[in-house]
């Protein structure tokens, strides 16, 4: 069994309140869950309007599949117009 963990740091420039931020993040998290069958949660910066850190986890029996899926998650985050990707970190266990 291989567990992949992705930490994604984001900026949401258009957020003017926590409500704006939550709306954008909820949409992104649901899209990732539906498309890739991953677990997603906001893991840091919960009280900051324009910053967010998401944790994404995926489990598979092959490391190559986990890496591929996490790469596709990063691509979707990069392609989301409401957020800017600051950095990401990927770990396999």
Protein backbone atom coordinates (compact mmCIF):
# COMPACT_ATOMS: atom_id res chain seq x y z
CA UNK A 1 0.00 0.00 0.00
CA UNK A 2 1.26 3.47 -0.92
CA UNK A 3 -0.09 6.66 0.66
CA UNK A 4 0.51 9.96 -1.09
CA UNK A 5 0.20 13.28 0.71
CA UNK A 6 0.15 16.60 -1.10
CA UNK A 7 0.31 19.96 0.67
CA UNK A 8 -0.75 22.90 -1.49
CA UNK A 9 -0.32 26.55 -0.46
CA UNK A 10 -2.68 28.96 -2.20
CA UNK A 11 -3.49 32.66 -2.46
CA UNK A 12 -7.04 33.76 -3.15
CA UNK A 13 -6.60 37.37 -4.25
CA UNK A 14 -10.30 38.07 -4.82
CA UNK A 15 -11.39 37.00 -1.32
CA UNK A 16 -12.63 39.96 0.68
CA UNK A 17 -13.92 37.89 3.60
CA UNK A 18 -13.70 34.43 5.09
CA UNK A 19 -17.03 33.71 3.41
CA UNK A 20 -15.50 34.45 -0.02
CA UNK A 21 -12.52 32.26 0.79
CA UNK A 22 -14.68 29.35 1.99
CA UNK A 23 -16.84 29.52 -1.16
CA UNK A 24 -13.79 29.22 -3.43
CA UNK A 25 -12.19 26.47 -1.36
CA UNK A 26 -15.39 24.46 -1.02
CA UNK A 27 -15.80 24.43 -4.79
CA UNK A 28 -12.16 23.42 -5.37
CA UNK A 29 -12.22 20.71 -2.70
CA UNK A 30 -15.44 19.20 -4.08
CA UNK A 31 -14.08 19.22 -7.63
CA UNK A 32 -10.92 17.40 -6.49
CA UNK A 33 -12.92 14.83 -4.50
CA UNK A 34 -15.28 14.12 -7.37
CA UNK A 35 -12.65 13.95 -10.10
CA UNK A 36 -9.85 12.06 -8.32
CA UNK A 37 -11.49 10.31 -5.34
CA UNK A 38 -9.02 11.90 -2.90
CA UNK A 39 -9.41 13.22 0.64
CA UNK A 40 -9.05 17.00 0.87
CA UNK A 41 -9.03 19.34 3.87
CA UNK A 42 -7.97 22.87 4.70
CA UNK A 43 -5.06 22.35 7.09
CA UNK A 44 -3.68 25.85 7.78
CA UNK A 45 -4.48 29.57 7.52
CA UNK A 46 -8.16 28.98 8.36
CA UNK A 47 -8.63 32.51 9.71
CA UNK A 48 -6.74 34.37 6.97
CA UNK A 49 -8.87 35.74 4.12
CA UNK A 50 -6.53 35.35 1.19
CA UNK A 51 -4.29 32.39 2.17
CA UNK A 52 -5.05 28.70 2.34
CA UNK A 53 -3.20 25.44 2.71
CA UNK A 54 -4.91 22.28 1.55
CA UNK A 55 -3.90 18.75 2.40
CA UNK A 56 -4.70 16.05 -0.17
CA UNK A 57 -4.34 12.32 0.47
CA UNK A 58 -4.59 9.36 -1.88
CA UNK A 59 -4.04 5.63 -1.36
CA UNK A 60 -3.15 3.05 -4.02
CA UNK A 61 -1.20 -0.15 -4.42
CA UNK A 62 1.32 1.43 -6.83
CA UNK A 63 3.59 4.43 -6.24
CA UNK A 64 3.44 5.38 -9.91
CA UNK A 65 -0.36 5.68 -9.75
CA UNK A 66 -0.18 7.84 -6.60
CA UNK A 67 2.40 10.16 -8.19
CA UNK A 68 0.34 10.47 -11.35
CA UNK A 69 -2.83 11.27 -9.45
CA UNK A 70 -1.12 13.90 -7.28
CA UNK A 71 0.41 15.49 -10.41
CA UNK A 72 -3.07 15.74 -11.93
CA UNK A 73 -4.39 17.33 -8.72
CA UNK A 74 -1.64 19.98 -8.94
CA UNK A 75 -2.57 20.61 -12.58
CA UNK A 76 -6.22 21.20 -11.65
CA UNK A 77 -5.23 23.58 -8.83
CA UNK A 78 -2.96 25.49 -11.22
CA UNK A 79 -5.82 25.73 -13.71
CA UNK A 80 -8.29 27.13 -11.19
CA UNK A 81 -8.66 30.84 -12.00
CA UNK A 82 -9.76 31.92 -8.49
CA UNK A 83 -6.56 30.70 -6.80
CA UNK A 84 -2.83 31.12 -7.30
CA UNK A 85 -0.53 28.26 -6.39
CA UNK A 86 2.36 29.45 -4.20
CA UNK A 87 4.03 26.10 -3.63
CA UNK A 88 3.33 22.44 -3.09
CA UNK A 89 5.04 19.48 -1.46
CA UNK A 90 4.47 15.82 -2.23
CA UNK A 91 5.31 12.86 0.01
CA UNK A 92 4.91 9.13 -0.50
CA UNK A 93 4.73 6.68 2.38
